[in-house]
């Protein structure tokens, strides 16, 4: 945790390497805004930038779809009764 608070270093959501580590460890996907910021902070050639933009648009669409699905699941769970210990 102390890595996140070092002076002069970028915050975790601006560091693609840390975001990738989180994805591998916790299966967390970075929020699209944070991913966009990481892309904007990376020097890319025109073709790479165009390809990443296309992939980002796909990511953004799928992220939104999964948020809706996840919200629906969570709403159903929240409305249900918890199991009692047997």
C-alpha atoms as a PDB file:
ATOM      1  CA  UNK A   1       0.000   0.000   0.000  1.00  0.00           C
ATOM      2  CA  UNK A   2       2.861   2.355   0.701  1.00  0.00           C
ATOM      3  CA  UNK A   3       3.754   2.284  -3.029  1.00  0.00           C
ATOM      4  CA  UNK A   4       0.629   4.312  -3.712  1.00  0.00           C
ATOM      5  CA  UNK A   5       1.715   7.198  -1.485  1.00  0.00           C
ATOM      6  CA  UNK A   6       5.295   7.888  -2.548  1.00  0.00           C
ATOM      7  CA  UNK A   7       5.909  11.538  -3.359  1.00  0.00           C
ATOM      8  CA  UNK A   8       6.663  12.327  -6.964  1.00  0.00           C
ATOM      9  CA  UNK A   9       5.242   9.084  -8.322  1.00  0.00           C
ATOM     10  CA  UNK A  10       1.995   8.822 -10.267  1.00  0.00           C
ATOM     11  CA  UNK A  11      -1.107   7.620  -8.490  1.00  0.00           C
ATOM     12  CA  UNK A  12      -1.953   3.963  -9.128  1.00  0.00           C
ATOM     13  CA  UNK A  13      -4.721   4.676 -11.610  1.00  0.00           C
ATOM     14  CA  UNK A  14      -2.268   6.456 -13.879  1.00  0.00           C
ATOM     15  CA  UNK A  15       0.212   3.592 -13.877  1.00  0.00           C
ATOM     16  CA  UNK A  16      -0.604   0.936 -16.457  1.00  0.00           C
ATOM     17  CA  UNK A  17       1.868  -1.533 -14.923  1.00  0.00           C
ATOM     18  CA  UNK A  18       0.135  -1.403 -11.540  1.00  0.00           C
ATOM     19  CA  UNK A  19      -3.296  -1.632 -13.195  1.00  0.00           C
ATOM     20  CA  UNK A  20      -2.084  -4.720 -15.071  1.00  0.00           C
ATOM     21  CA  UNK A  21      -0.804  -6.252 -11.822  1.00  0.00           C
ATOM     22  CA  UNK A  22      -4.196  -5.593 -10.204  1.00  0.00           C
ATOM     23  CA  UNK A  23      -5.930  -7.235 -13.145  1.00  0.00           C
ATOM     24  CA  UNK A  24      -3.753 -10.328 -12.809  1.00  0.00           C
ATOM     25  CA  UNK A  25      -4.062 -10.489  -9.014  1.00  0.00           C
ATOM     26  CA  UNK A  26      -7.645  -9.420  -8.341  1.00  0.00           C
ATOM     27  CA  UNK A  27      -9.343  -9.593 -11.750  1.00  0.00           C
ATOM     28  CA  UNK A  28     -10.137  -5.873 -11.505  1.00  0.00           C
ATOM     29  CA  UNK A  29     -10.728  -3.910 -14.665  1.00  0.00           C
ATOM     30  CA  UNK A  30      -9.695  -0.274 -14.597  1.00  0.00           C
ATOM     31  CA  UNK A  31     -12.506   2.253 -14.905  1.00  0.00           C
ATOM     32  CA  UNK A  32     -12.700   3.598 -18.484  1.00  0.00           C
ATOM     33  CA  UNK A  33     -11.780   7.126 -17.359  1.00  0.00           C
ATOM     34  CA  UNK A  34      -8.593   5.838 -15.737  1.00  0.00           C
ATOM     35  CA  UNK A  35      -7.787   3.691 -18.761  1.00  0.00           C
ATOM     36  CA  UNK A  36      -8.314   6.678 -21.062  1.00  0.00           C
ATOM     37  CA  UNK A  37      -5.972   8.758 -18.891  1.00  0.00           C
ATOM     38  CA  UNK A  38      -3.313   6.040 -19.106  1.00  0.00           C
ATOM     39  CA  UNK A  39      -3.662   6.011 -22.898  1.00  0.00           C
ATOM     40  CA  UNK A  40      -3.421   9.808 -23.096  1.00  0.00           C
ATOM     41  CA  UNK A  41      -0.233   9.761 -21.009  1.00  0.00           C
ATOM     42  CA  UNK A  42       1.489   7.327 -23.391  1.00  0.00           C
ATOM     43  CA  UNK A  43       3.403   8.452 -26.450  1.00  0.00           C
ATOM     44  CA  UNK A  44       2.021   6.523 -29.409  1.00  0.00           C
ATOM     45  CA  UNK A  45       2.472   6.589 -33.136  1.00  0.00           C
ATOM     46  CA  UNK A  46      -0.547   7.430 -35.314  1.00  0.00           C
ATOM     47  CA  UNK A  47      -1.371   3.803 -36.163  1.00  0.00           C
ATOM     48  CA  UNK A  48      -0.999   2.612 -32.577  1.00  0.00           C
ATOM     49  CA  UNK A  49      -3.106   5.523 -31.329  1.00  0.00           C
ATOM     50  CA  UNK A  50      -5.844   4.725 -33.835  1.00  0.00           C
ATOM     51  CA  UNK A  51      -5.813   1.022 -32.920  1.00  0.00           C
ATOM     52  CA  UNK A  52      -5.896   1.773 -29.193  1.00  0.00           C
ATOM     53  CA  UNK A  53      -8.737   4.226 -29.694  1.00  0.00           C
ATOM     54  CA  UNK A  54     -10.752   1.548 -31.495  1.00  0.00           C
ATOM     55  CA  UNK A  55     -10.003  -1.000 -28.764  1.00  0.00           C
ATOM     56  CA  UNK A  56     -10.849   1.558 -26.079  1.00  0.00           C
ATOM     57  CA  UNK A  57     -14.247   2.245 -27.670  1.00  0.00           C
ATOM     58  CA  UNK A  58     -14.960  -1.495 -27.580  1.00  0.00           C
ATOM     59  CA  UNK A  59     -13.780  -1.637 -23.940  1.00  0.00           C
ATOM     60  CA  UNK A  60     -16.004   1.302 -23.045  1.00  0.00           C
ATOM     61  CA  UNK A  61     -19.065  -0.348 -24.596  1.00  0.00           C
ATOM     62  CA  UNK A  62     -18.464  -3.697 -22.928  1.00  0.00           C
ATOM     63  CA  UNK A  63     -17.629  -2.088 -19.583  1.00  0.00           C
ATOM     64  CA  UNK A  64     -20.976  -0.284 -19.614  1.00  0.00           C
ATOM     65  CA  UNK A  65     -22.818  -3.476 -20.548  1.00  0.00           C
ATOM     66  CA  UNK A  66     -21.145  -5.415 -17.741  1.00  0.00           C
ATOM     67  CA  UNK A  67     -21.939  -2.652 -15.253  1.00  0.00           C
ATOM     68  CA  UNK A  68     -25.629  -2.954 -16.165  1.00  0.00           C
ATOM     69  CA  UNK A  69     -25.534  -6.750 -15.827  1.00  0.00           C
ATOM     70  CA  UNK A  70     -23.631  -6.532 -12.541  1.00  0.00           C
ATOM     71  CA  UNK A  71     -26.045  -3.911 -11.182  1.00  0.00           C
ATOM     72  CA  UNK A  72     -28.994  -6.167 -12.014  1.00  0.00           C
ATOM     73  CA  UNK A  73     -27.391  -9.105 -10.224  1.00  0.00           C
ATOM     74  CA  UNK A  74     -26.548  -6.991  -7.184  1.00  0.00           C
ATOM     75  CA  UNK A  75     -30.086  -5.556  -7.024  1.00  0.00           C
ATOM     76  CA  UNK A  76     -31.537  -9.075  -6.977  1.00  0.00           C
ATOM     77  CA  UNK A  77     -29.088 -10.194  -4.302  1.00  0.00           C
ATOM     78  CA  UNK A  78     -29.768  -7.084  -2.208  1.00  0.00           C
ATOM     79  CA  UNK A  79     -33.528  -7.670  -2.418  1.00  0.00           C
ATOM     80  CA  UNK A  80     -33.207 -11.300  -1.294  1.00  0.00           C
ATOM     81  CA  UNK A  81     -33.096 -12.701   2.181  1.00  0.00           C
ATOM     82  CA  UNK A  82     -29.733 -13.857   3.542  1.00  0.00           C
ATOM     83  CA  UNK A  83     -29.316 -17.538   4.317  1.00  0.00           C
ATOM     84  CA  UNK A  84     -29.330 -18.547   7.943  1.00  0.00           C
ATOM     85  CA  UNK A  85     -26.579 -20.683   9.385  1.00  0.00           C
ATOM     86  CA  UNK A  86     -27.673 -24.272   9.775  1.00  0.00           C
END
